[in-house]
């Protein structure tokens, strides 16, 4: 059983932690925009009982500096590179995707269509995908927000516009209060909520989208263990990304792989089957007992 593991964009600095990046099947960069961004003012992180809030605000060096300075150093790590692209208009997305199109170091472009910490582009997600599709032949994965009434309809729309895969899900907007000051813990007020409490929401979104479209899916949101990975695979994910857990447990990829290997042995002994069902790496799982999802 081989389940590709990635990091969620913004949750790992590959240059600061190259061994962690190499332990993944692909490294996803922080979101890059056409122009440099300083991001939102601090404080930009807040812990909560069930996860973490962040309000980074797409801080990045801009596409020119990323291509000239950052990408060559990432390429030296010899990891598969996915570049997350964002912006504030369809033109922004197109500018970045066009500049990345002929760069052999980049395997995939992930379109960040749903950052809760900045103003959104006026165009629909489908229109942003369509604008990007015109200027690049690279695989495009659309990262969608869970904060929508019908995410399956969003998935159908971006698929029709040319998306090659889905990343599900982005953080969801939340707010924490500093109880000493009785004001929001983040300078911007609300931020993107991630961590274990996001997992049931993410699982519901992956399940809905897997039933709606025939696209590979990176499932993410509160993944902390091999059992969590198998939950996402069970509802339709073909890849799984680790996010918030990397802040507290940078060695999580190796631990999760070990737990998955143990689950495979357990499944085999119990008569369960986990298999790769096609050449794209899409997985299907037939579980005959509940034991397969219980690790540790």
C-alpha atoms as a PDB file:
ATOM      1  CA  UNK A   1       0.000   0.000   0.000  1.00  0.00           C
ATOM      2  CA  UNK A   2       1.488   3.350  -1.036  1.00  0.00           C
ATOM      3  CA  UNK A   3      -0.310   6.517  -0.006  1.00  0.00           C
ATOM      4  CA  UNK A   4       1.525   9.662  -1.167  1.00  0.00           C
ATOM      5  CA  UNK A   5       2.196  12.018   1.740  1.00  0.00           C
ATOM      6  CA  UNK A   6       2.662  15.771   1.296  1.00  0.00           C
ATOM      7  CA  UNK A   7       2.780  18.779   3.573  1.00  0.00           C
ATOM      8  CA  UNK A   8       0.002  21.321   3.624  1.00  0.00           C
ATOM      9  CA  UNK A   9       1.175  24.611   2.127  1.00  0.00           C
ATOM     10  CA  UNK A  10       2.673  26.936   4.721  1.00  0.00           C
ATOM     11  CA  UNK A  11       3.275  24.232   7.335  1.00  0.00           C
ATOM     12  CA  UNK A  12       6.875  23.367   6.448  1.00  0.00           C
ATOM     13  CA  UNK A  13       9.980  25.320   5.474  1.00  0.00           C
ATOM     14  CA  UNK A  14      11.909  22.852   3.322  1.00  0.00           C
ATOM     15  CA  UNK A  15      15.100  24.923   3.400  1.00  0.00           C
ATOM     16  CA  UNK A  16      15.071  25.042   7.199  1.00  0.00           C
ATOM     17  CA  UNK A  17      14.079  21.370   7.573  1.00  0.00           C
ATOM     18  CA  UNK A  18      15.360  19.593   4.455  1.00  0.00           C
ATOM     19  CA  UNK A  19      15.268  16.106   5.971  1.00  0.00           C
ATOM     20  CA  UNK A  20      11.583  16.499   6.802  1.00  0.00           C
ATOM     21  CA  UNK A  21      10.880  17.663   3.257  1.00  0.00           C
ATOM     22  CA  UNK A  22      12.749  14.668   1.843  1.00  0.00           C
ATOM     23  CA  UNK A  23      10.652  12.328   3.984  1.00  0.00           C
ATOM     24  CA  UNK A  24       7.558  13.391   2.019  1.00  0.00           C
ATOM     25  CA  UNK A  25       6.521  12.273  -1.457  1.00  0.00           C
ATOM     26  CA  UNK A  26       6.182  15.918  -2.500  1.00  0.00           C
ATOM     27  CA  UNK A  27       6.895  19.285  -0.904  1.00  0.00           C
ATOM     28  CA  UNK A  28       4.278  22.048  -1.271  1.00  0.00           C
ATOM     29  CA  UNK A  29       5.613  25.599  -1.036  1.00  0.00           C
ATOM     30  CA  UNK A  30       4.076  28.527   0.764  1.00  0.00           C
ATOM     31  CA  UNK A  31       1.692  30.410  -1.478  1.00  0.00           C
ATOM     32  CA  UNK A  32       3.446  32.685  -3.980  1.00  0.00           C
ATOM     33  CA  UNK A  33       1.830  35.848  -5.380  1.00  0.00           C
ATOM     34  CA  UNK A  34       2.905  38.146  -8.231  1.00  0.00           C
ATOM     35  CA  UNK A  35       4.297  40.830  -5.890  1.00  0.00           C
ATOM     36  CA  UNK A  36       6.102  40.463  -2.550  1.00  0.00           C
ATOM     37  CA  UNK A  37       3.895  40.539   0.538  1.00  0.00           C
ATOM     38  CA  UNK A  38       4.810  41.265   4.148  1.00  0.00           C
ATOM     39  CA  UNK A  39       1.678  39.531   5.375  1.00  0.00           C
ATOM     40  CA  UNK A  40      -0.553  40.531   8.254  1.00  0.00           C
ATOM     41  CA  UNK A  41       0.686  42.246  11.437  1.00  0.00           C
ATOM     42  CA  UNK A  42       1.470  40.126  14.525  1.00  0.00           C
ATOM     43  CA  UNK A  43       0.307  38.324  16.501  1.00  0.00           C
ATOM     44  CA  UNK A  44      -0.451  35.881  13.680  1.00  0.00           C
ATOM     45  CA  UNK A  45      -0.721  32.569  15.578  1.00  0.00           C
ATOM     46  CA  UNK A  46      -2.992  31.470  18.412  1.00  0.00           C
ATOM     47  CA  UNK A  47      -3.401  28.028  19.939  1.00  0.00           C
ATOM     48  CA  UNK A  48      -6.878  26.782  20.773  1.00  0.00           C
ATOM     49  CA  UNK A  49      -8.233  23.729  22.582  1.00  0.00           C
ATOM     50  CA  UNK A  50      -8.789  21.842  19.322  1.00  0.00           C
ATOM     51  CA  UNK A  51      -6.144  23.244  17.015  1.00  0.00           C
ATOM     52  CA  UNK A  52      -4.525  26.465  15.884  1.00  0.00           C
ATOM     53  CA  UNK A  53      -5.446  29.759  14.299  1.00  0.00           C
ATOM     54  CA  UNK A  54      -3.133  31.549  11.889  1.00  0.00           C
ATOM     55  CA  UNK A  55      -3.315  34.813  10.025  1.00  0.00           C
ATOM     56  CA  UNK A  56      -0.064  34.950   8.069  1.00  0.00           C
ATOM     57  CA  UNK A  57      -1.636  36.777   5.150  1.00  0.00           C
ATOM     58  CA  UNK A  58       0.288  35.154   2.287  1.00  0.00           C
ATOM     59  CA  UNK A  59       3.693  36.533   3.272  1.00  0.00           C
ATOM     60  CA  UNK A  60       6.062  35.657   0.420  1.00  0.00           C
ATOM     61  CA  UNK A  61       8.897  37.124  -1.680  1.00  0.00           C
ATOM     62  CA  UNK A  62       6.865  37.417  -4.887  1.00  0.00           C
ATOM     63  CA  UNK A  63       7.065  35.259  -7.990  1.00  0.00           C
ATOM     64  CA  UNK A  64      10.258  36.834  -9.421  1.00  0.00           C
ATOM     65  CA  UNK A  65      12.316  36.308  -6.259  1.00  0.00           C
ATOM     66  CA  UNK A  66      10.814  32.874  -5.740  1.00  0.00           C
ATOM     67  CA  UNK A  67      11.899  31.731  -9.191  1.00  0.00           C
ATOM     68  CA  UNK A  68      15.351  33.321  -9.096  1.00  0.00           C
ATOM     69  CA  UNK A  69      16.333  32.738  -5.461  1.00  0.00           C
ATOM     70  CA  UNK A  70      14.160  30.165  -3.708  1.00  0.00           C
ATOM     71  CA  UNK A  71      13.403  27.607  -6.406  1.00  0.00           C
ATOM     72  CA  UNK A  72      17.060  26.787  -7.224  1.00  0.00           C
ATOM     73  CA  UNK A  73      17.723  26.022  -3.563  1.00  0.00           C
ATOM     74  CA  UNK A  74      14.595  23.874  -3.313  1.00  0.00           C
ATOM     75  CA  UNK A  75      15.655  21.983  -6.425  1.00  0.00           C
ATOM     76  CA  UNK A  76      18.944  21.080  -4.738  1.00  0.00           C
ATOM     77  CA  UNK A  77      16.965  19.062  -2.178  1.00  0.00           C
ATOM     78  CA  UNK A  78      15.892  16.681  -4.957  1.00  0.00           C
ATOM     79  CA  UNK A  79      12.292  16.544  -3.776  1.00  0.00           C
ATOM     80  CA  UNK A  80       9.178  16.671  -5.932  1.00  0.00           C
ATOM     81  CA  UNK A  81       8.018  20.289  -5.819  1.00  0.00           C
ATOM     82  CA  UNK A  82       4.449  21.568  -5.864  1.00  0.00           C
ATOM     83  CA  UNK A  83       4.153  25.357  -5.961  1.00  0.00           C
ATOM     84  CA  UNK A  84       1.167  26.995  -4.291  1.00  0.00           C
ATOM     85  CA  UNK A  85      -0.040  30.037  -6.226  1.00  0.00           C
ATOM     86  CA  UNK A  86      -2.365  32.785  -4.994  1.00  0.00           C
ATOM     87  CA  UNK A  87      -3.524  36.266  -5.824  1.00  0.00           C
ATOM     88  CA  UNK A  88      -6.295  38.809  -5.784  1.00  0.00           C
ATOM     89  CA  UNK A  89      -7.552  38.479  -9.374  1.00  0.00           C
ATOM     90  CA  UNK A  90      -7.575  36.040 -12.256  1.00  0.00           C
ATOM     91  CA  UNK A  91      -4.715  38.044 -13.784  1.00  0.00           C
ATOM     92  CA  UNK A  92      -2.594  37.430 -10.662  1.00  0.00           C
ATOM     93  CA  UNK A  93      -3.037  33.678 -10.920  1.00  0.00           C
ATOM     94  CA  UNK A  94      -2.295  33.738 -14.642  1.00  0.00           C
ATOM     95  CA  UNK A  95       0.900  35.778 -14.160  1.00  0.00           C
ATOM     96  CA  UNK A  96       2.299  33.286 -11.668  1.00  0.00           C
ATOM     97  CA  UNK A  97       1.256  30.167 -13.574  1.00  0.00           C
ATOM     98  CA  UNK A  98       2.690  31.481 -16.839  1.00  0.00           C
ATOM     99  CA  UNK A  99       6.031  32.194 -15.179  1.00  0.00           C
ATOM    100  CA  UNK A 100       6.143  28.682 -13.703  1.00  0.00           C
ATOM    101  CA  UNK A 101       5.010  26.859 -16.820  1.00  0.00           C
ATOM    102  CA  UNK A 102       8.367  26.101 -18.427  1.00  0.00           C
ATOM    103  CA  UNK A 103      10.279  25.346 -15.218  1.00  0.00           C
ATOM    104  CA  UNK A 104      11.178  21.665 -15.132  1.00  0.00           C
ATOM    105  CA  UNK A 105      11.815  21.763 -11.375  1.00  0.00           C
ATOM    106  CA  UNK A 106       8.093  22.191 -10.723  1.00  0.00           C
ATOM    107  CA  UNK A 107       5.887  19.118 -10.924  1.00  0.00           C
ATOM    108  CA  UNK A 108       2.507  20.608 -10.028  1.00  0.00           C
ATOM    109  CA  UNK A 109       0.828  23.938  -9.335  1.00  0.00           C
ATOM    110  CA  UNK A 110      -1.642  24.141  -6.474  1.00  0.00           C
ATOM    111  CA  UNK A 111      -4.076  27.033  -6.813  1.00  0.00           C
ATOM    112  CA  UNK A 112      -4.857  28.541  -3.414  1.00  0.00           C
ATOM    113  CA  UNK A 113      -8.416  29.607  -4.142  1.00  0.00           C
ATOM    114  CA  UNK A 114      -9.594  30.023  -0.581  1.00  0.00           C
ATOM    115  CA  UNK A 115      -7.201  31.725   1.848  1.00  0.00           C
ATOM    116  CA  UNK A 116      -9.334  33.068   4.736  1.00  0.00           C
ATOM    117  CA  UNK A 117      -6.695  35.616   5.804  1.00  0.00           C
ATOM    118  CA  UNK A 118      -6.771  38.013   2.836  1.00  0.00           C
ATOM    119  CA  UNK A 119      -9.325  39.615   0.578  1.00  0.00           C
ATOM    120  CA  UNK A 120     -10.571  37.186  -2.051  1.00  0.00           C
ATOM    121  CA  UNK A 121     -10.399  37.621  -5.806  1.00  0.00           C
ATOM    122  CA  UNK A 122     -13.688  38.814  -7.316  1.00  0.00           C
ATOM    123  CA  UNK A 123     -13.775  35.923  -9.782  1.00  0.00           C
ATOM    124  CA  UNK A 124     -15.205  32.516  -8.964  1.00  0.00           C
ATOM    125  CA  UNK A 125     -12.936  29.574  -8.263  1.00  0.00           C
ATOM    126  CA  UNK A 126     -13.790  28.150 -11.671  1.00  0.00           C
ATOM    127  CA  UNK A 127     -12.839  31.405 -13.377  1.00  0.00           C
ATOM    128  CA  UNK A 128      -9.497  31.446 -11.555  1.00  0.00           C
ATOM    129  CA  UNK A 129      -8.801  27.876 -12.666  1.00  0.00           C
ATOM    130  CA  UNK A 130      -9.790  28.699 -16.248  1.00  0.00           C
ATOM    131  CA  UNK A 131      -7.453  31.709 -16.343  1.00  0.00           C
ATOM    132  CA  UNK A 132      -4.601  29.562 -15.040  1.00  0.00           C
ATOM    133  CA  UNK A 133      -5.345  26.713 -17.417  1.00  0.00           C
ATOM    134  CA  UNK A 134      -4.899  28.977 -20.441  1.00  0.00           C
ATOM    135  CA  UNK A 135      -1.278  29.774 -19.588  1.00  0.00           C
ATOM    136  CA  UNK A 136       0.114  26.494 -18.283  1.00  0.00           C
ATOM    137  CA  UNK A 137       0.183  22.846 -19.222  1.00  0.00           C
ATOM    138  CA  UNK A 138       1.336  21.791 -15.754  1.00  0.00           C
ATOM    139  CA  UNK A 139      -1.070  19.831 -13.550  1.00  0.00           C
ATOM    140  CA  UNK A 140      -3.359  22.210 -11.662  1.00  0.00           C
ATOM    141  CA  UNK A 141      -4.805  21.224  -8.293  1.00  0.00           C
ATOM    142  CA  UNK A 142      -7.538  23.469  -6.916  1.00  0.00           C
ATOM    143  CA  UNK A 143      -7.469  24.061  -3.150  1.00  0.00           C
ATOM    144  CA  UNK A 144     -11.014  24.662  -1.983  1.00  0.00           C
ATOM    145  CA  UNK A 145     -12.529  26.101   1.172  1.00  0.00           C
ATOM    146  CA  UNK A 146     -14.771  24.049   3.454  1.00  0.00           C
ATOM    147  CA  UNK A 147     -16.807  27.214   4.076  1.00  0.00           C
ATOM    148  CA  UNK A 148     -19.279  26.657   1.278  1.00  0.00           C
ATOM    149  CA  UNK A 149     -22.792  25.284   1.238  1.00  0.00           C
ATOM    150  CA  UNK A 150     -22.147  22.830  -1.595  1.00  0.00           C
ATOM    151  CA  UNK A 151     -18.471  21.983  -2.035  1.00  0.00           C
ATOM    152  CA  UNK A 152     -19.372  19.236  -4.496  1.00  0.00           C
ATOM    153  CA  UNK A 153     -20.740  21.870  -6.856  1.00  0.00           C
ATOM    154  CA  UNK A 154     -17.498  23.836  -6.483  1.00  0.00           C
ATOM    155  CA  UNK A 155     -15.575  20.677  -7.335  1.00  0.00           C
ATOM    156  CA  UNK A 156     -17.642  20.110 -10.472  1.00  0.00           C
ATOM    157  CA  UNK A 157     -17.098  23.724 -11.514  1.00  0.00           C
ATOM    158  CA  UNK A 158     -13.307  23.682 -11.160  1.00  0.00           C
ATOM    159  CA  UNK A 159     -13.118  20.280 -12.841  1.00  0.00           C
ATOM    160  CA  UNK A 160     -15.026  21.641 -15.825  1.00  0.00           C
ATOM    161  CA  UNK A 161     -12.654  24.641 -15.897  1.00  0.00           C
ATOM    162  CA  UNK A 162      -9.597  22.427 -16.236  1.00  0.00           C
ATOM    163  CA  UNK A 163      -8.444  21.402 -12.770  1.00  0.00           C
ATOM    164  CA  UNK A 164      -6.474  18.147 -12.705  1.00  0.00           C
ATOM    165  CA  UNK A 165      -6.948  17.500  -8.998  1.00  0.00           C
ATOM    166  CA  UNK A 166      -8.381  18.864  -5.760  1.00  0.00           C
ATOM    167  CA  UNK A 167      -6.753  19.810  -2.450  1.00  0.00           C
ATOM    168  CA  UNK A 168      -9.289  19.488   0.366  1.00  0.00           C
ATOM    169  CA  UNK A 169      -9.509  21.430   2.513  1.00  0.00           C
ATOM    170  CA  UNK A 170      -8.086  24.819   3.308  1.00  0.00           C
ATOM    171  CA  UNK A 171      -8.446  26.242   6.812  1.00  0.00           C
ATOM    172  CA  UNK A 172     -11.798  27.574   7.929  1.00  0.00           C
ATOM    173  CA  UNK A 173     -12.262  31.030   9.439  1.00  0.00           C
ATOM    174  CA  UNK A 174     -12.287  31.138  13.227  1.00  0.00           C
ATOM    175  CA  UNK A 175     -11.563  33.499  16.126  1.00  0.00           C
ATOM    176  CA  UNK A 176      -9.989  33.116  19.546  1.00  0.00           C
ATOM    177  CA  UNK A 177     -10.223  35.612  22.416  1.00  0.00           C
ATOM    178  CA  UNK A 178      -7.281  36.633  24.587  1.00  0.00           C
ATOM    179  CA  UNK A 179      -8.990  36.259  27.975  1.00  0.00           C
ATOM    180  CA  UNK A 180      -6.614  38.598  29.752  1.00  0.00           C
ATOM    181  CA  UNK A 181      -7.148  41.432  27.305  1.00  0.00           C
ATOM    182  CA  UNK A 182     -10.681  40.442  26.249  1.00  0.00           C
ATOM    183  CA  UNK A 183      -9.932  41.017  22.606  1.00  0.00           C
ATOM    184  CA  UNK A 184      -9.150  38.810  19.608  1.00  0.00           C
ATOM    185  CA  UNK A 185      -5.925  36.850  20.034  1.00  0.00           C
ATOM    186  CA  UNK A 186      -4.897  37.622  16.434  1.00  0.00           C
ATOM    187  CA  UNK A 187      -4.174  41.173  15.323  1.00  0.00           C
ATOM    188  CA  UNK A 188      -6.448  40.791  12.310  1.00  0.00           C
ATOM    189  CA  UNK A 189      -9.251  39.309  14.400  1.00  0.00           C
ATOM    190  CA  UNK A 190     -10.239  36.120  12.651  1.00  0.00           C
ATOM    191  CA  UNK A 191      -7.814  33.643  11.135  1.00  0.00           C
ATOM    192  CA  UNK A 192      -7.604  30.246   9.486  1.00  0.00           C
ATOM    193  CA  UNK A 193      -8.465  27.378  11.835  1.00  0.00           C
ATOM    194  CA  UNK A 194      -6.615  24.069  11.508  1.00  0.00           C
ATOM    195  CA  UNK A 195      -5.850  21.007  13.572  1.00  0.00           C
ATOM    196  CA  UNK A 196      -7.741  17.926  14.777  1.00  0.00           C
ATOM    197  CA  UNK A 197     -11.090  19.710  15.123  1.00  0.00           C
ATOM    198  CA  UNK A 198     -11.037  20.412  11.373  1.00  0.00           C
ATOM    199  CA  UNK A 199     -10.780  16.719  10.471  1.00  0.00           C
ATOM    200  CA  UNK A 200     -14.501  15.751  10.462  1.00  0.00           C
ATOM    201  CA  UNK A 201     -15.259  18.771   8.268  1.00  0.00           C
ATOM    202  CA  UNK A 202     -12.455  17.851   5.881  1.00  0.00           C
ATOM    203  CA  UNK A 203     -13.588  14.229   5.700  1.00  0.00           C
ATOM    204  CA  UNK A 204     -17.111  15.319   4.788  1.00  0.00           C
ATOM    205  CA  UNK A 205     -15.748  17.571   2.027  1.00  0.00           C
ATOM    206  CA  UNK A 206     -13.495  14.862   0.585  1.00  0.00           C
ATOM    207  CA  UNK A 207     -16.369  12.382   0.604  1.00  0.00           C
ATOM    208  CA  UNK A 208     -18.712  14.793  -1.173  1.00  0.00           C
ATOM    209  CA  UNK A 209     -16.162  15.754  -3.823  1.00  0.00           C
ATOM    210  CA  UNK A 210     -15.018  12.182  -4.465  1.00  0.00           C
ATOM    211  CA  UNK A 211     -18.621  11.282  -5.227  1.00  0.00           C
ATOM    212  CA  UNK A 212     -19.055  14.325  -7.483  1.00  0.00           C
ATOM    213  CA  UNK A 213     -15.949  14.283  -9.706  1.00  0.00           C
ATOM    214  CA  UNK A 214     -13.426  11.807 -11.027  1.00  0.00           C
ATOM    215  CA  UNK A 215     -10.303  13.685  -9.944  1.00  0.00           C
ATOM    216  CA  UNK A 216      -7.483  12.741  -7.573  1.00  0.00           C
ATOM    217  CA  UNK A 217      -7.778  14.399  -4.173  1.00  0.00           C
ATOM    218  CA  UNK A 218      -5.246  15.492  -1.570  1.00  0.00           C
ATOM    219  CA  UNK A 219      -7.064  15.129   1.738  1.00  0.00           C
ATOM    220  CA  UNK A 220      -5.919  17.356   4.596  1.00  0.00           C
ATOM    221  CA  UNK A 221      -7.206  18.795   7.814  1.00  0.00           C
ATOM    222  CA  UNK A 222      -6.201  17.551  11.255  1.00  0.00           C
ATOM    223  CA  UNK A 223      -4.148  14.588  10.061  1.00  0.00           C
ATOM    224  CA  UNK A 224      -2.049  13.388  13.009  1.00  0.00           C
ATOM    225  CA  UNK A 225      -1.660   9.626  12.572  1.00  0.00           C
ATOM    226  CA  UNK A 226      -1.721   6.695  10.199  1.00  0.00           C
ATOM    227  CA  UNK A 227      -5.299   6.026  11.250  1.00  0.00           C
ATOM    228  CA  UNK A 228      -6.221   9.558  10.170  1.00  0.00           C
ATOM    229  CA  UNK A 229      -4.601   8.943   6.784  1.00  0.00           C
ATOM    230  CA  UNK A 230      -6.651   5.781   6.324  1.00  0.00           C
ATOM    231  CA  UNK A 231      -9.818   7.698   7.209  1.00  0.00           C
ATOM    232  CA  UNK A 232      -9.158  10.105   4.345  1.00  0.00           C
ATOM    233  CA  UNK A 233      -8.373   7.271   1.942  1.00  0.00           C
ATOM    234  CA  UNK A 234     -11.573   5.503   2.981  1.00  0.00           C
ATOM    235  CA  UNK A 235     -13.680   8.490   1.893  1.00  0.00           C
ATOM    236  CA  UNK A 236     -11.909   9.062  -1.416  1.00  0.00           C
ATOM    237  CA  UNK A 237      -8.537  10.784  -0.954  1.00  0.00           C
ATOM    238  CA  UNK A 238      -5.694   9.583  -3.170  1.00  0.00           C
ATOM    239  CA  UNK A 239      -3.002  11.625  -1.427  1.00  0.00           C
ATOM    240  CA  UNK A 240      -2.871  12.975   2.142  1.00  0.00           C
ATOM    241  CA  UNK A 241      -1.178  16.107   3.493  1.00  0.00           C
ATOM    242  CA  UNK A 242       0.160  16.738   6.980  1.00  0.00           C
ATOM    243  CA  UNK A 243      -0.315  20.259   8.257  1.00  0.00           C
ATOM    244  CA  UNK A 244      -0.529  21.584  11.809  1.00  0.00           C
ATOM    245  CA  UNK A 245       1.000  18.402  13.248  1.00  0.00           C
ATOM    246  CA  UNK A 246       4.337  19.376  11.644  1.00  0.00           C
ATOM    247  CA  UNK A 247       4.659  22.324  14.052  1.00  0.00           C
ATOM    248  CA  UNK A 248       4.582  20.063  17.119  1.00  0.00           C
ATOM    249  CA  UNK A 249       5.978  16.876  15.568  1.00  0.00           C
ATOM    250  CA  UNK A 250       8.314  17.565  12.621  1.00  0.00           C
ATOM    251  CA  UNK A 251       9.099  13.850  12.359  1.00  0.00           C
ATOM    252  CA  UNK A 252       5.433  12.982  11.846  1.00  0.00           C
ATOM    253  CA  UNK A 253       5.905  11.768   8.233  1.00  0.00           C
ATOM    254  CA  UNK A 254       8.166   8.902   9.312  1.00  0.00           C
ATOM    255  CA  UNK A 255       5.908   8.027  12.242  1.00  0.00           C
ATOM    256  CA  UNK A 256       2.803   8.051  10.057  1.00  0.00           C
ATOM    257  CA  UNK A 257       4.489   5.807   7.480  1.00  0.00           C
ATOM    258  CA  UNK A 258       5.374   3.338  10.227  1.00  0.00           C
ATOM    259  CA  UNK A 259       1.783   3.338  11.431  1.00  0.00           C
ATOM    260  CA  UNK A 260       0.552   2.764   7.890  1.00  0.00           C
ATOM    261  CA  UNK A 261       2.945  -0.159   7.484  1.00  0.00           C
ATOM    262  CA  UNK A 262       1.651  -1.656  10.728  1.00  0.00           C
ATOM    263  CA  UNK A 263      -1.912  -1.182   9.523  1.00  0.00           C
ATOM    264  CA  UNK A 264      -1.112  -2.974   6.282  1.00  0.00           C
ATOM    265  CA  UNK A 265       0.216  -5.971   8.188  1.00  0.00           C
ATOM    266  CA  UNK A 266      -2.842  -5.915  10.432  1.00  0.00           C
ATOM    267  CA  UNK A 267      -5.136  -5.693   7.417  1.00  0.00           C
ATOM    268  CA  UNK A 268      -3.411  -8.601   5.684  1.00  0.00           C
ATOM    269  CA  UNK A 269      -3.646 -10.790   8.776  1.00  0.00           C
ATOM    270  CA  UNK A 270      -7.336  -9.925   9.207  1.00  0.00           C
ATOM    271  CA  UNK A 271      -8.207 -10.515   5.564  1.00  0.00           C
ATOM    272  CA  UNK A 272      -8.546  -6.835   4.600  1.00  0.00           C
ATOM    273  CA  UNK A 273      -7.167  -5.530   1.326  1.00  0.00           C
ATOM    274  CA  UNK A 274      -5.569  -2.178   0.529  1.00  0.00           C
ATOM    275  CA  UNK A 275      -4.483  -1.671  -3.042  1.00  0.00           C
ATOM    276  CA  UNK A 276      -3.460   0.838  -5.670  1.00  0.00           C
ATOM    277  CA  UNK A 277      -6.250   0.622  -8.207  1.00  0.00           C
ATOM    278  CA  UNK A 278      -4.869   2.529 -11.182  1.00  0.00           C
ATOM    279  CA  UNK A 279      -1.695   3.977 -12.639  1.00  0.00           C
ATOM    280  CA  UNK A 280      -2.414   7.502 -11.382  1.00  0.00           C
ATOM    281  CA  UNK A 281      -1.971   6.296  -7.816  1.00  0.00           C
ATOM    282  CA  UNK A 282      -5.641   6.475  -6.890  1.00  0.00           C
ATOM    283  CA  UNK A 283      -6.283   4.143  -3.993  1.00  0.00           C
ATOM    284  CA  UNK A 284      -9.214   2.013  -3.063  1.00  0.00           C
ATOM    285  CA  UNK A 285      -9.625   0.154   0.188  1.00  0.00           C
ATOM    286  CA  UNK A 286     -11.762  -2.810   1.138  1.00  0.00           C
ATOM    287  CA  UNK A 287     -11.774  -3.201   4.891  1.00  0.00           C
ATOM    288  CA  UNK A 288     -13.215  -6.364   6.401  1.00  0.00           C
ATOM    289  CA  UNK A 289     -12.759  -5.422  10.043  1.00  0.00           C
ATOM    290  CA  UNK A 290     -12.631  -2.237  12.114  1.00  0.00           C
ATOM    291  CA  UNK A 291      -9.202  -3.303  13.333  1.00  0.00           C
ATOM    292  CA  UNK A 292      -7.591  -1.825  10.228  1.00  0.00           C
ATOM    293  CA  UNK A 293      -8.328   1.725  11.353  1.00  0.00           C
ATOM    294  CA  UNK A 294      -7.059   1.235  14.885  1.00  0.00           C
ATOM    295  CA  UNK A 295      -3.359   1.954  15.244  1.00  0.00           C
ATOM    296  CA  UNK A 296      -1.380   2.087  18.450  1.00  0.00           C
END
